[in-house]
């Protein structure tokens, strides 16, 4: 096989993944897929909290392709329509990653790439999100809202269901991600004059259990 001159750029901290991806792009180039000058970012952090920190340091608009874990790939597919054809799931087999890169680069749009209904919250749900991001517990929220703890818990379940979250850690990570990228459904919270709640950290969680931790509070 003739050597392929690489004009694309791959930003990836993992040397093994970077090598495999460069080889994949070389194969696509030989197959007459135009990968020249692609700007590619790989967010390969195994811990989702570290992955979130990496996302918060980059601007997705600067890249043609971004490869990331299934968790963040799902967030993009569910909530950020404009970026769906920019992201590829890294937690896939080699052949599937190559196929998806080819599909995006050659504009082979598939039927599933259809805008989903926008994420929306009621005023009451937004208040609950606000209190949770300020790290108030259900008892404190119930006192402020003059309702039962059960009512707070039920409302939280409704919010988590809308966000496709099954654990408290997923809930926090998803909220932080949506707030950081100024998702329309939470824009009113980011614009509150008292403070920017997107700066709150994920509270008291072991990074190793950030996705598979305790279920609803």
N, C-alpha and C. Protein backbone atom coordinates (compact mmCIF):
# COMPACT_ATOMS: atom_id res chain seq x y z
N UNK A 1 0.84 -1.19 0.00
CA UNK A 1 0.00 0.00 0.00
C UNK A 1 0.88 1.25 0.00
N UNK A 2 0.54 2.20 -0.85
CA UNK A 2 1.30 3.43 -0.91
C UNK A 2 1.04 4.27 0.33
N UNK A 3 2.06 5.00 0.75
CA UNK A 3 1.90 5.89 1.91
C UNK A 3 0.91 7.00 1.56
N UNK A 4 0.08 7.34 2.53
CA UNK A 4 -0.92 8.38 2.32
C UNK A 4 -0.49 9.64 3.06
N UNK A 5 -0.42 10.73 2.37
CA UNK A 5 -0.05 11.99 3.00
C UNK A 5 -1.21 12.47 3.87
N UNK A 6 -0.93 12.71 5.13
CA UNK A 6 -1.98 13.11 6.07
C UNK A 6 -2.07 14.63 6.15
N UNK A 7 -3.24 15.12 5.80
CA UNK A 7 -3.48 16.56 5.91
C UNK A 7 -4.57 16.85 6.94
N UNK A 8 -5.13 15.79 7.52
CA UNK A 8 -6.12 15.99 8.57
C UNK A 8 -5.39 16.14 9.91
N UNK A 9 -6.14 16.58 10.93
CA UNK A 9 -5.56 16.71 12.27
C UNK A 9 -6.43 15.96 13.27
N UNK A 10 -5.78 15.25 14.17
CA UNK A 10 -6.48 14.48 15.20
C UNK A 10 -5.96 14.89 16.56
N UNK A 11 -6.85 15.44 17.38
CA UNK A 11 -6.50 15.79 18.76
C UNK A 11 -6.98 14.68 19.68
N UNK A 12 -6.04 13.97 20.26
CA UNK A 12 -6.40 12.84 21.12
C UNK A 12 -5.27 12.58 22.10
N UNK A 13 -5.60 12.51 23.38
CA UNK A 13 -4.59 12.29 24.41
C UNK A 13 -4.12 10.84 24.44
N UNK A 14 -4.95 9.92 23.96
CA UNK A 14 -4.63 8.49 23.98
C UNK A 14 -3.89 8.13 22.68
N UNK A 15 -2.62 7.77 22.79
CA UNK A 15 -1.81 7.51 21.60
C UNK A 15 -2.31 6.29 20.82
N UNK A 16 -2.84 5.29 21.51
CA UNK A 16 -3.34 4.10 20.83
C UNK A 16 -4.56 4.44 19.98
N UNK A 17 -5.50 5.19 20.55
CA UNK A 17 -6.69 5.59 19.81
C UNK A 17 -6.31 6.49 18.65
N UNK A 18 -5.36 7.41 18.89
CA UNK A 18 -4.93 8.31 17.82
C UNK A 18 -4.32 7.53 16.64
N UNK A 19 -3.50 6.52 16.94
CA UNK A 19 -2.90 5.69 15.89
C UNK A 19 -3.97 4.94 15.12
N UNK A 20 -4.91 4.32 15.85
CA UNK A 20 -5.98 3.55 15.19
C UNK A 20 -6.84 4.46 14.31
N UNK A 21 -7.13 5.66 14.80
CA UNK A 21 -7.96 6.58 14.03
C UNK A 21 -7.23 7.07 12.78
N UNK A 22 -5.94 7.36 12.91
CA UNK A 22 -5.17 7.77 11.73
C UNK A 22 -5.13 6.65 10.69
N UNK A 23 -4.98 5.41 11.13
CA UNK A 23 -5.00 4.28 10.21
C UNK A 23 -6.36 4.16 9.52
N UNK A 24 -7.42 4.38 10.28
CA UNK A 24 -8.77 4.32 9.73
C UNK A 24 -8.98 5.40 8.67
N UNK A 25 -8.51 6.59 8.95
CA UNK A 25 -8.65 7.69 7.99
C UNK A 25 -7.80 7.43 6.75
N UNK A 26 -6.63 6.80 6.91
CA UNK A 26 -5.82 6.42 5.76
C UNK A 26 -6.58 5.44 4.86
N UNK A 27 -7.25 4.48 5.49
CA UNK A 27 -8.03 3.50 4.73
C UNK A 27 -9.15 4.19 3.96
N UNK A 28 -9.83 5.13 4.60
CA UNK A 28 -10.91 5.85 3.93
C UNK A 28 -10.38 6.68 2.77
N UNK A 29 -9.21 7.27 2.95
CA UNK A 29 -8.62 8.05 1.87
C UNK A 29 -8.31 7.17 0.66
N UNK A 30 -7.79 5.97 0.91
CA UNK A 30 -7.51 5.04 -0.17
C UNK A 30 -8.80 4.62 -0.88
N UNK A 31 -9.91 4.61 -0.13
CA UNK A 31 -11.21 4.26 -0.70
C UNK A 31 -11.91 5.47 -1.32
N UNK A 32 -11.13 6.53 -1.55
CA UNK A 32 -11.62 7.74 -2.22
C UNK A 32 -12.63 8.54 -1.40
N UNK A 33 -12.55 8.42 -0.09
CA UNK A 33 -13.35 9.28 0.79
C UNK A 33 -12.48 10.47 1.15
N UNK A 34 -12.99 11.66 0.94
CA UNK A 34 -12.20 12.86 1.16
C UNK A 34 -12.12 13.21 2.65
N UNK A 35 -11.02 12.80 3.27
CA UNK A 35 -10.81 13.10 4.68
C UNK A 35 -9.75 14.18 4.87
N UNK A 36 -9.31 14.74 3.77
CA UNK A 36 -8.28 15.78 3.85
C UNK A 36 -8.79 16.99 4.62
N UNK A 37 -7.92 17.52 5.44
CA UNK A 37 -8.18 18.77 6.19
C UNK A 37 -9.28 18.62 7.24
N UNK A 38 -9.69 17.40 7.56
CA UNK A 38 -10.65 17.22 8.64
C UNK A 38 -10.01 17.60 9.97
N UNK A 39 -10.77 18.30 10.79
CA UNK A 39 -10.33 18.61 12.16
C UNK A 39 -11.10 17.70 13.10
N UNK A 40 -10.39 16.81 13.77
CA UNK A 40 -11.03 15.76 14.56
C UNK A 40 -10.58 15.85 16.01
N UNK A 41 -11.55 15.75 16.90
CA UNK A 41 -11.28 15.74 18.34
C UNK A 41 -11.78 14.42 18.92
N UNK A 42 -10.97 13.83 19.78
CA UNK A 42 -11.37 12.60 20.47
C UNK A 42 -11.41 12.88 21.96
N UNK A 43 -12.57 12.71 22.56
CA UNK A 43 -12.71 12.84 24.02
C UNK A 43 -12.88 11.43 24.56
N UNK A 44 -11.75 10.86 24.99
CA UNK A 44 -11.71 9.43 25.32
C UNK A 44 -11.59 9.16 26.81
N UNK A 45 -11.81 10.19 27.63
CA UNK A 45 -11.71 9.98 29.08
C UNK A 45 -12.69 8.89 29.53
N UNK A 46 -12.20 7.92 30.27
CA UNK A 46 -13.06 6.82 30.72
C UNK A 46 -14.03 7.27 31.79
N UNK A 47 -13.61 8.22 32.61
CA UNK A 47 -14.49 8.71 33.66
C UNK A 47 -15.38 9.81 33.09
N UNK A 48 -16.70 9.71 33.25
CA UNK A 48 -17.60 10.70 32.66
C UNK A 48 -17.45 12.10 33.23
N UNK A 49 -17.01 12.21 34.49
CA UNK A 49 -16.79 13.54 35.07
C UNK A 49 -15.59 14.20 34.39
N UNK A 50 -14.54 13.44 34.15
CA UNK A 50 -13.39 13.97 33.43
C UNK A 50 -13.76 14.30 31.98
N UNK A 51 -14.65 13.46 31.40
CA UNK A 51 -15.12 13.74 30.05
C UNK A 51 -15.88 15.05 29.99
N UNK A 52 -16.70 15.31 31.01
CA UNK A 52 -17.44 16.58 31.08
C UNK A 52 -16.48 17.76 31.17
N UNK A 53 -15.45 17.61 32.00
CA UNK A 53 -14.46 18.68 32.15
C UNK A 53 -13.78 18.97 30.81
N UNK A 54 -13.52 17.92 30.04
CA UNK A 54 -12.88 18.12 28.72
C UNK A 54 -13.85 18.83 27.77
N UNK A 55 -15.10 18.42 27.77
CA UNK A 55 -16.10 19.08 26.92
C UNK A 55 -16.19 20.57 27.26
N UNK A 56 -16.09 20.90 28.54
CA UNK A 56 -16.23 22.28 28.96
C UNK A 56 -15.05 23.15 28.53
N UNK A 57 -13.99 22.51 28.03
CA UNK A 57 -12.81 23.28 27.58
C UNK A 57 -12.75 23.42 26.07
N UNK A 58 -13.72 22.87 25.35
CA UNK A 58 -13.65 22.91 23.89
C UNK A 58 -14.90 23.55 23.29
N UNK A 59 -14.74 24.01 22.06
CA UNK A 59 -15.86 24.54 21.28
C UNK A 59 -16.13 23.56 20.14
N UNK A 60 -17.24 22.81 20.19
CA UNK A 60 -17.52 21.81 19.15
C UNK A 60 -17.55 22.39 17.74
N UNK A 61 -17.85 23.67 17.63
CA UNK A 61 -17.94 24.28 16.30
C UNK A 61 -16.59 24.32 15.59
N UNK A 62 -15.52 24.15 16.33
CA UNK A 62 -14.18 24.21 15.72
C UNK A 62 -13.77 22.90 15.05
N UNK A 63 -14.58 21.86 15.20
CA UNK A 63 -14.19 20.54 14.70
C UNK A 63 -15.20 20.01 13.68
N UNK A 64 -14.68 19.22 12.75
CA UNK A 64 -15.55 18.57 11.76
C UNK A 64 -16.13 17.28 12.33
N UNK A 65 -15.34 16.59 13.16
CA UNK A 65 -15.77 15.34 13.78
C UNK A 65 -15.32 15.32 15.23
N UNK A 66 -16.19 14.81 16.10
CA UNK A 66 -15.84 14.62 17.50
C UNK A 66 -16.24 13.20 17.89
N UNK A 67 -15.28 12.44 18.38
CA UNK A 67 -15.55 11.09 18.85
C UNK A 67 -15.58 11.10 20.37
N UNK A 68 -16.62 10.50 20.96
CA UNK A 68 -16.76 10.53 22.41
C UNK A 68 -17.48 9.27 22.88
N UNK A 69 -17.63 9.15 24.20
CA UNK A 69 -18.27 7.98 24.80
C UNK A 69 -19.76 7.93 24.48
N UNK A 70 -20.35 6.76 24.71
CA UNK A 70 -21.77 6.57 24.45
C UNK A 70 -22.63 7.53 25.26
N UNK A 71 -22.23 7.81 26.50
CA UNK A 71 -23.03 8.69 27.36
C UNK A 71 -23.17 10.08 26.75
N UNK A 72 -22.07 10.68 26.35
CA UNK A 72 -22.13 12.04 25.78
C UNK A 72 -22.64 12.03 24.34
N UNK A 73 -22.37 10.95 23.63
CA UNK A 73 -22.93 10.83 22.28
C UNK A 73 -24.46 10.84 22.35
N UNK A 74 -25.03 10.14 23.34
CA UNK A 74 -26.48 10.11 23.51
C UNK A 74 -27.03 11.49 23.84
N UNK A 75 -26.30 12.26 24.65
CA UNK A 75 -26.75 13.62 24.97
C UNK A 75 -26.82 14.48 23.72
N UNK A 76 -25.83 14.35 22.87
CA UNK A 76 -25.83 15.11 21.62
C UNK A 76 -27.00 14.69 20.75
N UNK A 77 -27.19 13.39 20.58
CA UNK A 77 -28.27 12.90 19.71
C UNK A 77 -29.64 13.29 20.25
N UNK A 78 -29.79 13.32 21.57
CA UNK A 78 -31.09 13.62 22.17
C UNK A 78 -31.42 15.11 22.21
N UNK A 79 -30.38 15.94 22.45
CA UNK A 79 -30.67 17.33 22.81
C UNK A 79 -30.01 18.40 21.95
N UNK A 80 -29.08 18.03 21.08
CA UNK A 80 -28.39 19.04 20.28
C UNK A 80 -28.44 18.66 18.80
N UNK A 81 -29.58 18.95 18.19
CA UNK A 81 -29.84 18.58 16.81
C UNK A 81 -28.75 19.10 15.86
N UNK A 82 -28.30 20.32 16.07
CA UNK A 82 -27.35 20.94 15.13
C UNK A 82 -26.01 20.23 15.09
N UNK A 83 -25.71 19.45 16.14
CA UNK A 83 -24.40 18.78 16.19
C UNK A 83 -24.48 17.29 15.91
N UNK A 84 -25.64 16.75 15.62
CA UNK A 84 -25.78 15.30 15.48
C UNK A 84 -24.86 14.70 14.43
N UNK A 85 -24.68 15.43 13.33
CA UNK A 85 -23.88 14.91 12.24
C UNK A 85 -22.41 15.32 12.36
N UNK A 86 -22.02 15.66 13.57
CA UNK A 86 -20.63 16.01 13.85
C UNK A 86 -20.00 15.01 14.82
N UNK A 87 -20.85 14.21 15.46
CA UNK A 87 -20.38 13.31 16.52
C UNK A 87 -20.44 11.84 16.11
N UNK A 88 -19.48 11.09 16.61
CA UNK A 88 -19.40 9.64 16.39
C UNK A 88 -19.16 8.98 17.74
N UNK A 89 -19.86 7.87 17.99
CA UNK A 89 -19.71 7.14 19.25
C UNK A 89 -18.41 6.34 19.23
N UNK A 90 -17.57 6.60 20.21
CA UNK A 90 -16.28 5.91 20.31
C UNK A 90 -16.43 4.50 20.87
N UNK A 91 -17.53 4.23 21.58
CA UNK A 91 -17.75 2.92 22.19
C UNK A 91 -18.39 1.96 21.20
N UNK A 92 -17.79 1.84 20.03
CA UNK A 92 -18.30 0.96 18.97
C UNK A 92 -17.15 0.16 18.39
N UNK A 93 -17.48 -0.86 17.60
CA UNK A 93 -16.44 -1.63 16.92
C UNK A 93 -15.76 -0.77 15.86
N UNK A 94 -14.55 -1.16 15.50
CA UNK A 94 -13.75 -0.43 14.51
C UNK A 94 -14.54 -0.21 13.23
N UNK A 95 -15.17 -1.28 12.73
CA UNK A 95 -15.90 -1.19 11.46
C UNK A 95 -17.06 -0.22 11.55
N UNK A 96 -17.74 -0.17 12.70
CA UNK A 96 -18.88 0.73 12.86
C UNK A 96 -18.43 2.19 12.94
N UNK A 97 -17.32 2.43 13.65
CA UNK A 97 -16.79 3.80 13.72
C UNK A 97 -16.40 4.26 12.32
N UNK A 98 -15.75 3.40 11.58
CA UNK A 98 -15.34 3.75 10.21
C UNK A 98 -16.56 4.02 9.33
N UNK A 99 -17.58 3.20 9.47
CA UNK A 99 -18.80 3.40 8.70
C UNK A 99 -19.46 4.74 9.03
N UNK A 100 -19.51 5.06 10.30
CA UNK A 100 -20.15 6.31 10.71
C UNK A 100 -19.37 7.54 10.26
N UNK A 101 -18.03 7.44 10.30
CA UNK A 101 -17.22 8.55 9.80
C UNK A 101 -17.45 8.72 8.30
N UNK A 102 -17.47 7.60 7.57
CA UNK A 102 -17.73 7.67 6.13
C UNK A 102 -19.10 8.31 5.87
N UNK A 103 -20.11 7.90 6.63
CA UNK A 103 -21.46 8.42 6.43
C UNK A 103 -21.52 9.92 6.62
N UNK A 104 -20.82 10.42 7.64
CA UNK A 104 -20.84 11.86 7.92
C UNK A 104 -20.06 12.63 6.86
N UNK A 105 -18.88 12.13 6.53
CA UNK A 105 -18.02 12.85 5.58
C UNK A 105 -18.63 12.89 4.19
N UNK A 106 -19.30 11.80 3.79
CA UNK A 106 -19.88 11.73 2.44
C UNK A 106 -21.35 12.17 2.42
N UNK A 107 -21.85 12.64 3.57
CA UNK A 107 -23.23 13.14 3.67
C UNK A 107 -24.26 12.06 3.32
N UNK A 108 -23.99 10.84 3.74
CA UNK A 108 -24.95 9.75 3.55
C UNK A 108 -25.92 9.76 4.73
N UNK A 109 -26.85 10.69 4.73
CA UNK A 109 -27.77 10.83 5.84
C UNK A 109 -28.67 9.62 5.94
N UNK A 110 -28.89 9.16 7.15
CA UNK A 110 -29.73 7.99 7.37
C UNK A 110 -31.09 8.43 7.92
N UNK A 111 -32.12 7.59 7.77
CA UNK A 111 -33.47 7.97 8.20
C UNK A 111 -33.60 8.40 9.65
N UNK A 112 -32.74 7.83 10.54
CA UNK A 112 -32.90 8.15 11.95
C UNK A 112 -32.44 9.57 12.29
N UNK A 113 -31.74 10.22 11.37
CA UNK A 113 -31.29 11.58 11.64
C UNK A 113 -32.45 12.55 11.39
N UNK A 114 -33.38 12.57 12.34
CA UNK A 114 -34.59 13.39 12.25
C UNK A 114 -34.70 14.19 13.55
N UNK A 115 -34.96 15.48 13.50
CA UNK A 115 -35.08 16.27 14.72
C UNK A 115 -36.14 15.70 15.66
N UNK A 116 -35.78 15.52 16.92
CA UNK A 116 -36.73 15.07 17.93
C UNK A 116 -37.45 16.27 18.50
N UNK A 117 -38.60 16.04 19.15
CA UNK A 117 -39.27 17.16 19.82
C UNK A 117 -38.34 17.84 20.82
N UNK A 118 -38.38 19.14 20.89
CA UNK A 118 -37.46 19.86 21.76
C UNK A 118 -37.71 19.56 23.23
N UNK A 119 -36.65 19.62 24.02
CA UNK A 119 -36.74 19.42 25.46
C UNK A 119 -37.35 20.67 26.09
N UNK A 120 -38.41 20.47 26.88
CA UNK A 120 -39.06 21.60 27.53
C UNK A 120 -39.40 21.24 28.98
N UNK A 121 -39.32 22.24 29.83
CA UNK A 121 -39.65 22.06 31.25
C UNK A 121 -40.71 23.07 31.65
N UNK A 122 -41.56 22.66 32.58
CA UNK A 122 -42.55 23.58 33.13
C UNK A 122 -41.85 24.54 34.08
N UNK A 123 -42.50 25.67 34.42
CA UNK A 123 -41.89 26.59 35.40
C UNK A 123 -41.56 25.90 36.72
N UNK A 124 -42.43 25.00 37.17
CA UNK A 124 -42.17 24.28 38.41
C UNK A 124 -40.97 23.36 38.30
N UNK A 125 -40.81 22.72 37.16
CA UNK A 125 -39.66 21.84 36.95
C UNK A 125 -38.36 22.64 36.89
N UNK A 126 -38.42 23.83 36.28
CA UNK A 126 -37.23 24.68 36.23
C UNK A 126 -36.81 25.14 37.63
N UNK A 127 -37.80 25.42 38.48
CA UNK A 127 -37.47 25.80 39.86
C UNK A 127 -36.79 24.64 40.58
N UNK A 128 -37.30 23.42 40.37
CA UNK A 128 -36.69 22.26 41.01
C UNK A 128 -35.25 22.09 40.53
N UNK A 129 -35.02 22.23 39.22
CA UNK A 129 -33.66 22.11 38.68
C UNK A 129 -32.76 23.17 39.31
N UNK A 130 -33.28 24.37 39.41
CA UNK A 130 -32.50 25.46 40.01
C UNK A 130 -32.08 25.13 41.43
N UNK A 131 -33.02 24.64 42.23
CA UNK A 131 -32.70 24.30 43.62
C UNK A 131 -31.71 23.15 43.70
N UNK A 132 -31.86 22.17 42.82
CA UNK A 132 -30.93 21.04 42.83
C UNK A 132 -29.53 21.47 42.42
N UNK A 133 -29.43 22.37 41.46
CA UNK A 133 -28.11 22.83 41.05
C UNK A 133 -27.46 23.67 42.15
N UNK A 134 -28.27 24.23 43.03
CA UNK A 134 -27.74 24.95 44.19
C UNK A 134 -27.48 23.99 45.34
N UNK A 135 -27.64 22.69 45.07
CA UNK A 135 -27.32 21.61 46.00
C UNK A 135 -28.21 21.60 47.24
N UNK A 136 -29.48 21.94 47.04
CA UNK A 136 -30.44 21.82 48.13
C UNK A 136 -31.02 20.41 48.12
N UNK A 137 -31.28 19.87 49.29
CA UNK A 137 -31.86 18.53 49.38
C UNK A 137 -33.38 18.62 49.23
N UNK A 138 -34.02 17.46 49.10
CA UNK A 138 -35.47 17.42 48.90
C UNK A 138 -36.21 18.07 50.06
N UNK A 139 -35.72 17.88 51.28
CA UNK A 139 -36.37 18.46 52.45
C UNK A 139 -36.31 19.98 52.39
N UNK A 140 -35.18 20.53 52.00
CA UNK A 140 -35.05 21.99 51.90
C UNK A 140 -35.94 22.56 50.79
N UNK A 141 -36.00 21.84 49.68
CA UNK A 141 -36.84 22.29 48.56
C UNK A 141 -38.31 22.26 48.96
N UNK A 142 -38.70 21.20 49.65
CA UNK A 142 -40.09 21.07 50.09
C UNK A 142 -40.47 22.22 51.03
N UNK A 143 -39.54 22.63 51.89
CA UNK A 143 -39.81 23.74 52.81
C UNK A 143 -39.99 25.04 52.03
N UNK A 144 -39.13 25.26 51.03
CA UNK A 144 -39.22 26.49 50.24
C UNK A 144 -40.51 26.52 49.42
N UNK A 145 -40.85 25.38 48.83
CA UNK A 145 -42.01 25.31 47.94
C UNK A 145 -43.31 25.05 48.70
N UNK A 146 -43.20 24.84 50.01
CA UNK A 146 -44.37 24.57 50.84
C UNK A 146 -45.15 23.36 50.32
N UNK A 147 -44.42 22.27 50.12
CA UNK A 147 -45.04 21.03 49.65
C UNK A 147 -44.37 19.86 50.36
N UNK A 148 -44.82 18.65 50.06
CA UNK A 148 -44.26 17.47 50.70
C UNK A 148 -42.97 17.04 50.01
N UNK A 149 -42.16 16.28 50.75
CA UNK A 149 -40.92 15.74 50.18
C UNK A 149 -41.26 14.79 49.03
N UNK A 150 -42.36 14.06 49.18
CA UNK A 150 -42.78 13.14 48.12
C UNK A 150 -43.10 13.90 46.83
N UNK A 151 -43.72 15.06 46.96
CA UNK A 151 -44.04 15.87 45.78
C UNK A 151 -42.77 16.32 45.07
N UNK A 152 -41.74 16.69 45.86
CA UNK A 152 -40.45 17.08 45.28
C UNK A 152 -39.82 15.91 44.56
N UNK A 153 -39.85 14.74 45.21
CA UNK A 153 -39.27 13.54 44.60
C UNK A 153 -39.98 13.17 43.31
N UNK A 154 -41.31 13.26 43.30
CA UNK A 154 -42.06 12.93 42.09
C UNK A 154 -41.74 13.90 40.95
N UNK A 155 -41.61 15.17 41.28
CA UNK A 155 -41.27 16.15 40.24
C UNK A 155 -39.87 15.89 39.70
N UNK A 156 -38.97 15.51 40.58
CA UNK A 156 -37.61 15.19 40.13
C UNK A 156 -37.62 14.00 39.18
N UNK A 157 -38.42 12.99 39.49
CA UNK A 157 -38.54 11.83 38.60
C UNK A 157 -39.04 12.24 37.22
N UNK A 158 -39.99 13.16 37.18
CA UNK A 158 -40.52 13.63 35.90
C UNK A 158 -39.44 14.34 35.09
N UNK A 159 -38.65 15.16 35.77
CA UNK A 159 -37.57 15.88 35.09
C UNK A 159 -36.53 14.90 34.57
N UNK A 160 -36.15 13.93 35.40
CA UNK A 160 -35.15 12.95 34.99
C UNK A 160 -35.64 12.11 33.82
N UNK A 161 -36.93 11.80 33.80
CA UNK A 161 -37.48 11.03 32.69
C UNK A 161 -37.38 11.81 31.38
N UNK A 162 -37.64 13.11 31.44
CA UNK A 162 -37.53 13.94 30.24
C UNK A 162 -36.09 13.97 29.72
N UNK A 163 -35.15 13.84 30.64
CA UNK A 163 -33.74 13.93 30.27
C UNK A 163 -33.11 12.55 30.04
N UNK A 164 -33.94 11.49 30.09
CA UNK A 164 -33.47 10.12 29.89
C UNK A 164 -32.40 9.73 30.92
N UNK A 165 -32.55 10.21 32.15
CA UNK A 165 -31.59 9.92 33.22
C UNK A 165 -32.16 8.85 34.15
N UNK A 166 -31.31 7.91 34.55
CA UNK A 166 -31.74 6.83 35.44
C UNK A 166 -31.07 6.89 36.81
N UNK A 167 -30.03 7.67 36.95
CA UNK A 167 -29.33 7.80 38.23
C UNK A 167 -29.13 9.27 38.55
N UNK A 168 -28.88 9.55 39.83
CA UNK A 168 -28.61 10.92 40.24
C UNK A 168 -27.37 11.48 39.55
N UNK A 169 -26.36 10.63 39.37
CA UNK A 169 -25.13 11.09 38.72
C UNK A 169 -25.39 11.47 37.27
N UNK A 170 -26.17 10.65 36.57
CA UNK A 170 -26.53 10.99 35.19
C UNK A 170 -27.30 12.32 35.16
N UNK A 171 -28.17 12.51 36.13
CA UNK A 171 -28.96 13.74 36.22
C UNK A 171 -28.04 14.96 36.33
N UNK A 172 -27.07 14.91 37.25
CA UNK A 172 -26.17 16.03 37.45
C UNK A 172 -25.30 16.28 36.22
N UNK A 173 -24.75 15.21 35.66
CA UNK A 173 -23.86 15.37 34.51
C UNK A 173 -24.62 15.94 33.31
N UNK A 174 -25.84 15.45 33.12
CA UNK A 174 -26.65 15.94 32.00
C UNK A 174 -27.00 17.41 32.18
N UNK A 175 -27.39 17.79 33.40
CA UNK A 175 -27.70 19.19 33.67
C UNK A 175 -26.48 20.08 33.42
N UNK A 176 -25.33 19.65 33.91
CA UNK A 176 -24.11 20.44 33.72
C UNK A 176 -23.80 20.60 32.23
N UNK A 177 -23.98 19.52 31.47
CA UNK A 177 -23.70 19.54 30.04
C UNK A 177 -24.65 20.50 29.32
N UNK A 178 -25.94 20.39 29.62
CA UNK A 178 -26.94 21.24 28.98
C UNK A 178 -26.74 22.71 29.35
N UNK A 179 -26.42 22.96 30.60
CA UNK A 179 -26.21 24.34 31.04
C UNK A 179 -24.96 24.94 30.42
N UNK A 180 -23.89 24.14 30.36
CA UNK A 180 -22.64 24.67 29.80
C UNK A 180 -22.81 25.08 28.34
N UNK A 181 -23.54 24.26 27.58
CA UNK A 181 -23.73 24.56 26.17
C UNK A 181 -25.01 25.36 25.91
N UNK A 182 -25.54 25.95 26.99
CA UNK A 182 -26.64 26.92 26.91
C UNK A 182 -27.84 26.36 26.15
N UNK A 183 -28.28 25.15 26.55
CA UNK A 183 -29.45 24.56 25.91
C UNK A 183 -30.67 25.44 26.14
N UNK A 184 -31.49 25.58 25.12
CA UNK A 184 -32.62 26.51 25.17
C UNK A 184 -33.56 26.22 26.33
N UNK A 185 -33.71 24.95 26.70
CA UNK A 185 -34.65 24.59 27.76
C UNK A 185 -34.22 25.12 29.13
N UNK A 186 -32.94 25.40 29.30
CA UNK A 186 -32.42 25.86 30.60
C UNK A 186 -31.83 27.26 30.54
N UNK A 187 -32.03 27.94 29.42
CA UNK A 187 -31.41 29.25 29.24
C UNK A 187 -31.87 30.26 30.29
N UNK A 188 -33.12 30.13 30.72
CA UNK A 188 -33.62 31.06 31.73
C UNK A 188 -32.89 30.90 33.05
N UNK A 189 -32.39 29.71 33.34
CA UNK A 189 -31.64 29.49 34.58
C UNK A 189 -30.25 30.11 34.47
N UNK A 190 -29.61 29.96 33.32
CA UNK A 190 -28.28 30.54 33.13
C UNK A 190 -28.32 32.06 33.17
N UNK A 191 -29.50 32.63 32.88
CA UNK A 191 -29.59 34.09 32.82
C UNK A 191 -30.07 34.70 34.13
N UNK A 192 -30.31 33.89 35.15
CA UNK A 192 -30.74 34.45 36.43
C UNK A 192 -29.66 35.35 37.00
N UNK A 193 -30.05 36.45 37.57
CA UNK A 193 -29.08 37.49 37.94
C UNK A 193 -28.32 37.18 39.21
N UNK A 194 -28.83 36.23 40.05
CA UNK A 194 -28.16 36.03 41.33
C UNK A 194 -26.84 35.29 41.19
N UNK A 195 -26.76 34.34 40.28
CA UNK A 195 -25.53 33.58 40.08
C UNK A 195 -25.70 32.67 38.88
N UNK A 196 -24.58 32.20 38.35
CA UNK A 196 -24.62 31.26 37.23
C UNK A 196 -24.52 29.85 37.78
N UNK A 197 -25.62 29.13 37.79
CA UNK A 197 -25.63 27.82 38.45
C UNK A 197 -24.85 26.77 37.69
N UNK A 198 -24.49 27.05 36.42
CA UNK A 198 -23.72 26.05 35.68
C UNK A 198 -22.33 25.86 36.26
N UNK A 199 -21.91 26.77 37.17
CA UNK A 199 -20.58 26.66 37.77
C UNK A 199 -20.55 25.69 38.94
N UNK A 200 -21.71 25.22 39.39
CA UNK A 200 -21.71 24.28 40.51
C UNK A 200 -21.11 22.94 40.10
N UNK A 201 -20.35 22.36 40.99
CA UNK A 201 -19.71 21.08 40.70
C UNK A 201 -20.67 19.93 40.94
N UNK A 202 -20.36 18.76 40.37
CA UNK A 202 -21.12 17.55 40.66
C UNK A 202 -20.85 17.19 42.11
N UNK A 203 -21.87 17.09 42.95
CA UNK A 203 -21.66 16.96 44.38
C UNK A 203 -21.36 15.55 44.85
N UNK A 204 -20.32 15.41 45.66
CA UNK A 204 -20.08 14.21 46.45
C UNK A 204 -20.19 12.88 45.75
N UNK A 205 -19.66 12.76 44.54
CA UNK A 205 -19.78 11.50 43.83
C UNK A 205 -18.41 10.92 43.57
N UNK A 206 -18.27 9.61 43.71
CA UNK A 206 -17.06 8.94 43.29
C UNK A 206 -17.04 8.92 41.77
N UNK A 207 -15.94 9.36 41.20
CA UNK A 207 -15.88 9.44 39.74
C UNK A 207 -16.02 8.06 39.10
N UNK A 208 -15.62 7.02 39.81
CA UNK A 208 -15.70 5.68 39.24
C UNK A 208 -17.12 5.17 39.16
N UNK A 209 -18.05 5.81 39.89
CA UNK A 209 -19.44 5.35 39.88
C UNK A 209 -20.38 6.43 39.37
N UNK A 210 -19.85 7.36 38.59
CA UNK A 210 -20.63 8.52 38.19
C UNK A 210 -21.80 8.19 37.30
N UNK A 211 -21.75 7.08 36.59
CA UNK A 211 -22.86 6.72 35.70
C UNK A 211 -23.73 5.64 36.32
N UNK A 212 -23.18 4.75 37.08
CA UNK A 212 -23.94 3.61 37.59
C UNK A 212 -24.27 3.72 39.07
N UNK A 213 -24.32 4.94 39.57
CA UNK A 213 -24.53 5.16 40.99
C UNK A 213 -25.98 4.98 41.41
N UNK A 214 -26.32 5.54 42.59
CA UNK A 214 -27.65 5.37 43.17
C UNK A 214 -28.72 5.92 42.25
N UNK A 215 -29.89 5.30 42.32
CA UNK A 215 -31.01 5.75 41.52
C UNK A 215 -31.69 6.92 42.21
N UNK A 216 -32.90 7.18 41.77
CA UNK A 216 -33.59 8.39 42.23
C UNK A 216 -33.54 8.57 43.74
N UNK A 217 -33.36 9.84 44.14
CA UNK A 217 -33.38 10.15 45.57
C UNK A 217 -34.82 10.16 46.06
